[in-house]
C-alpha atoms as a PDB file:
ATOM      1  CA  MET A   1     109.882 108.214  95.471  1.00  0.00           C
ATOM      2  CA  THR A   2     109.376 106.199  98.782  1.00  0.00           C
ATOM      3  CA  ASP A   3     110.963 107.470 101.898  1.00  0.00           C
ATOM      4  CA  ILE A   4     113.907 105.345 102.470  1.00  0.00           C
ATOM      5  CA  ARG A   5     115.375 106.956 105.869  1.00  0.00           C
ATOM      6  CA  THR A   6     114.839 105.437 109.286  1.00  0.00           C
ATOM      7  CA  GLU A   7     113.563 107.700 112.296  1.00  0.00           C
ATOM      8  CA  THR A   8     117.216 108.601 113.013  1.00  0.00           C
ATOM      9  CA  GLY A   9     117.408 110.180 109.341  1.00  0.00           C
ATOM     10  CA  LEU A  10     119.529 107.368 107.908  1.00  0.00           C
ATOM     11  CA  TRP A  11     118.805 105.478 104.895  1.00  0.00           C
ATOM     12  CA  ASP A  12     116.858 102.113 105.642  1.00  0.00           C
ATOM     13  CA  TYR A  13     118.010  99.086 103.797  1.00  0.00           C
ATOM     14  CA  ALA A  14     114.588  97.457 104.120  1.00  0.00           C
ATOM     15  CA  ALA A  15     113.236 100.567 101.893  1.00  0.00           C
ATOM     16  CA  PHE A  16     115.341  99.948  98.921  1.00  0.00           C
ATOM     17  CA  HIS A  17     114.005  98.150  95.916  1.00  0.00           C
ATOM     18  CA  ASP A  18     115.377  96.684  92.474  1.00  0.00           C
ATOM     19  CA  GLY A  19     115.339  99.476  89.931  1.00  0.00           C
ATOM     20  CA  GLN A  20     114.888 102.326  92.317  1.00  0.00           C
ATOM     21  CA  LEU A  21     116.226 105.814  91.067  1.00  0.00           C
ATOM     22  CA  LEU A  22     117.955 107.485  93.873  1.00  0.00           C
ATOM     23  CA  GLY A  23     118.893 110.747  92.139  1.00  0.00           C
ATOM     24  CA  GLN A  24     120.405 112.350  89.060  1.00  0.00           C
ATOM     25  CA  MET A  25     122.817 115.199  88.914  1.00  0.00           C
ATOM     26  CA  THR A  26     124.821 116.876  86.297  1.00  0.00           C
ATOM     27  CA  PHE A  27     128.501 117.153  86.245  1.00  0.00           C
ATOM     28  CA  ARG A  28     130.884 119.528  84.399  1.00  0.00           C
ATOM     29  CA  ILE A  29     134.425 118.809  83.802  1.00  0.00           C
ATOM     30  CA  ASP A  30     135.544 122.642  83.725  1.00  0.00           C
ATOM     31  CA  GLU A  31     138.980 124.187  84.742  1.00  0.00           C
ATOM     32  CA  THR A  32     138.419 123.966  88.186  1.00  0.00           C
ATOM     33  CA  ARG A  33     138.037 120.156  87.914  1.00  0.00           C
ATOM     34  CA  MET A  34     140.894 119.887  85.631  1.00  0.00           C
ATOM     35  CA  THR A  35     143.181 121.728  88.033  1.00  0.00           C
ATOM     36  CA  LEU A  36     142.166 119.173  90.899  1.00  0.00           C
ATOM     37  CA  TRP A  37     142.788 116.303  88.427  1.00  0.00           C
ATOM     38  CA  THR A  38     146.118 117.787  87.644  1.00  0.00           C
ATOM     39  CA  GLY A  39     146.810 118.007  91.362  1.00  0.00           C
ATOM     40  CA  ILE A  40     146.543 114.391  91.778  1.00  0.00           C
ATOM     41  CA  PHE A  41     148.406 113.156  88.740  1.00  0.00           C
ATOM     42  CA  GLU A  42     150.853 115.901  88.405  1.00  0.00           C
ATOM     43  CA  LYS A  43     150.271 116.056  84.438  1.00  0.00           C
ATOM     44  CA  ARG A  44     148.050 118.232  82.618  1.00  0.00           C
ATOM     45  CA  CYS A  45     145.707 116.750  80.429  1.00  0.00           C
ATOM     46  CA  ASP A  46     145.202 117.504  76.834  1.00  0.00           C
ATOM     47  CA  PRO A  47     141.769 119.426  76.614  1.00  0.00           C
ATOM     48  CA  ARG A  48     140.980 117.834  73.334  1.00  0.00           C
ATOM     49  CA  ALA A  49     141.520 114.366  74.730  1.00  0.00           C
ATOM     50  CA  LEU A  50     140.676 114.013  78.432  1.00  0.00           C
ATOM     51  CA  PRO A  51     141.194 110.571  80.039  1.00  0.00           C
ATOM     52  CA  ARG A  52     138.201 108.394  80.566  1.00  0.00           C
ATOM     53  CA  SER A  53     139.396 107.893  84.272  1.00  0.00           C
ATOM     54  CA  LEU A  54     137.717 111.394  84.606  1.00  0.00           C
ATOM     55  CA  LEU A  55     134.318 109.555  84.286  1.00  0.00           C
ATOM     56  CA  VAL A  56     134.933 107.304  87.266  1.00  0.00           C
ATOM     57  CA  SER A  57     135.587 110.284  89.174  1.00  0.00           C
ATOM     58  CA  ALA A  58     132.247 111.758  88.213  1.00  0.00           C
ATOM     59  CA  MET A  59     130.600 108.553  88.908  1.00  0.00           C
ATOM     60  CA  MET A  60     131.819 108.518  92.384  1.00  0.00           C
ATOM     61  CA  GLU A  61     131.129 112.000  93.314  1.00  0.00           C
ATOM     62  CA  ALA A  62     127.441 111.573  92.073  1.00  0.00           C
ATOM     63  CA  TYR A  63     127.100 108.356  94.074  1.00  0.00           C
ATOM     64  CA  LEU A  64     128.544 110.239  97.203  1.00  0.00           C
ATOM     65  CA  ARG A  65     125.971 113.002  96.565  1.00  0.00           C
ATOM     66  CA  VAL A  66     123.047 111.099  96.050  1.00  0.00           C
ATOM     67  CA  ALA A  67     123.622 108.244  98.471  1.00  0.00           C
ATOM     68  CA  GLN A  68     123.239 110.390 101.424  1.00  0.00           C
ATOM     69  CA  PRO A  69     122.827 109.785 104.541  1.00  0.00           C
ATOM     70  CA  ARG A  70     124.174 106.369 104.544  1.00  0.00           C
ATOM     71  CA  PRO A  71     124.745 104.638 108.099  1.00  0.00           C
ATOM     72  CA  PRO A  72     128.539 104.427 109.343  1.00  0.00           C
ATOM     73  CA  GLY A  73     130.073 101.461 108.596  1.00  0.00           C
ATOM     74  CA  ASN A  74     129.056 100.620 105.019  1.00  0.00           C
ATOM     75  CA  ILE A  75     131.908  98.610 103.198  1.00  0.00           C
ATOM     76  CA  HIS A  76     132.608  99.370  99.560  1.00  0.00           C
ATOM     77  CA  ALA A  77     133.114  95.771  98.411  1.00  0.00           C
ATOM     78  CA  GLY A  78     133.375  95.909  94.683  1.00  0.00           C
ATOM     79  CA  GLN A  79     133.207  97.930  91.769  1.00  0.00           C
ATOM     80  CA  THR A  80     132.674  97.141  87.738  1.00  0.00           C
ATOM     81  CA  LEU A  81     132.741  99.734  84.961  1.00  0.00           C
ATOM     82  CA  SER A  82     131.891  99.548  81.165  1.00  0.00           C
ATOM     83  CA  LEU A  83     133.151 102.380  79.186  1.00  0.00           C
ATOM     84  CA  HIS A  84     131.026 103.250  76.268  1.00  0.00           C
ATOM     85  CA  GLY A  85     131.829 105.178  73.117  1.00  0.00           C
ATOM     86  CA  ARG A  86     134.277 108.461  73.455  1.00  0.00           C
ATOM     87  CA  GLU A  87     136.006 110.316  75.966  1.00  0.00           C
ATOM     88  CA  PRO A  88     134.368 113.040  78.060  1.00  0.00           C
ATOM     89  CA  ARG A  89     134.963 116.676  76.637  1.00  0.00           C
ATOM     90  CA  LEU A  90     136.116 119.640  78.363  1.00  0.00           C
ATOM     91  CA  ASP A  91     132.936 121.964  79.731  1.00  0.00           C
ATOM     92  CA  GLU A  92     130.415 119.224  78.469  1.00  0.00           C
ATOM     93  CA  VAL A  93     127.697 118.522  80.690  1.00  0.00           C
ATOM     94  CA  LEU A  94     127.297 114.978  82.191  1.00  0.00           C
ATOM     95  CA  ILE A  95     124.277 113.751  83.301  1.00  0.00           C
ATOM     96  CA  ILE A  96     124.591 110.910  85.954  1.00  0.00           C
ATOM     97  CA  GLN A  97     121.660 108.688  87.269  1.00  0.00           C
ATOM     98  CA  THR A  98     122.158 106.656  90.191  1.00  0.00           C
ATOM     99  CA  SER A  99     119.966 103.804  91.105  1.00  0.00           C
ATOM    100  CA  VAL A 100     119.408 100.656  93.047  1.00  0.00           C
ATOM    101  CA  GLU A 101     120.352  97.778  90.842  1.00  0.00           C
ATOM    102  CA  ARG A 102     119.589  94.921  93.103  1.00  0.00           C
ATOM    103  CA  LYS A 103     119.820  94.092  96.783  1.00  0.00           C
ATOM    104  CA  PHE A 104     120.290  90.812  98.260  1.00  0.00           C
ATOM    105  CA  GLU A 105     121.491  88.782 101.341  1.00  0.00           C
ATOM    106  CA  ARG A 106     124.838  86.484 101.607  1.00  0.00           C
ATOM    107  CA  LYS A 107     126.202  84.702 104.509  1.00  0.00           C
ATOM    108  CA  GLY A 108     124.130  86.813 106.961  1.00  0.00           C
ATOM    109  CA  ARG A 109     125.206  90.137 105.370  1.00  0.00           C
ATOM    110  CA  LYS A 110     122.927  92.787 103.632  1.00  0.00           C
ATOM    111  CA  TRP A 111     124.351  93.775 100.136  1.00  0.00           C
ATOM    112  CA  ILE A 112     123.339  96.432  97.620  1.00  0.00           C
ATOM    113  CA  ALA A 113     124.567  96.899  94.202  1.00  0.00           C
ATOM    114  CA  PHE A 114     124.065 100.717  92.979  1.00  0.00           C
ATOM    115  CA  ARG A 115     124.198 101.482  89.350  1.00  0.00           C
ATOM    116  CA  SER A 116     125.531 104.642  87.613  1.00  0.00           C
ATOM    117  CA  ASP A 117     125.001 105.572  84.020  1.00  0.00           C
ATOM    118  CA  ILE A 118     126.594 108.489  82.454  1.00  0.00           C
ATOM    119  CA  ARG A 119     125.471 110.359  79.382  1.00  0.00           C
ATOM    120  CA  ALA A 120     126.381 113.340  77.402  1.00  0.00           C
ATOM    121  CA  ASP A 121     124.165 114.869  74.763  1.00  0.00           C
ATOM    122  CA  GLY A 122     122.017 111.513  74.879  1.00  0.00           C
ATOM    123  CA  THR A 123     125.435 109.403  74.368  1.00  0.00           C
ATOM    124  CA  ARG A 124     126.019 106.759  76.966  1.00  0.00           C
ATOM    125  CA  LEU A 125     129.784 107.202  78.116  1.00  0.00           C
ATOM    126  CA  LEU A 126     129.865 104.884  81.197  1.00  0.00           C
ATOM    127  CA  SER A 127     127.798 102.440  82.908  1.00  0.00           C
ATOM    128  CA  GLY A 128     128.986 101.290  86.509  1.00  0.00           C
ATOM    129  CA  GLU A 129     128.187  99.138  89.467  1.00  0.00           C
ATOM    130  CA  ILE A 130     129.454 100.126  93.159  1.00  0.00           C
ATOM    131  CA  LEU A 131     128.740  97.085  95.237  1.00  0.00           C
ATOM    132  CA  THR A 132     128.234  97.827  98.973  1.00  0.00           C
ATOM    133  CA  ILE A 133     127.786  95.856 102.297  1.00  0.00           C
ATOM    134  CA  TRP A 134     125.236  97.603 104.326  1.00  0.00           C
ATOM    135  CA  ALA A 135     126.050  98.396 107.822  1.00  0.00           C
ATOM    136  CA  SER A 136     122.643  97.807 109.244  1.00  0.00           C
END
């Protein structure tokens, strides 16, 4: 992968290109994550039928981990999600890939659409886009 950092160590908008893989991580929905989830929603999930919204949480965590270090001041301008197939399962390993879908300029601002794909056992569970206005 091309080095996308500036001399300050932050990511450089100019170095991004369409289709560029930023990283891949594994994510497991285990009892610890379920306890955190229950703390937010105050309702215990049935481990046989986990909510798909856990996939969105996994997508955002993966994005935050691989999209570092970002310059301060970026704006989360939008997000789209497509759910595929089934719900996630307790203790299942999710593979999450994050990439640059496209970058463009609009009204003098630099935009990047990041793409996330989540799979489990080769089955796609979620694909999503995080639209960001790049700070500098």
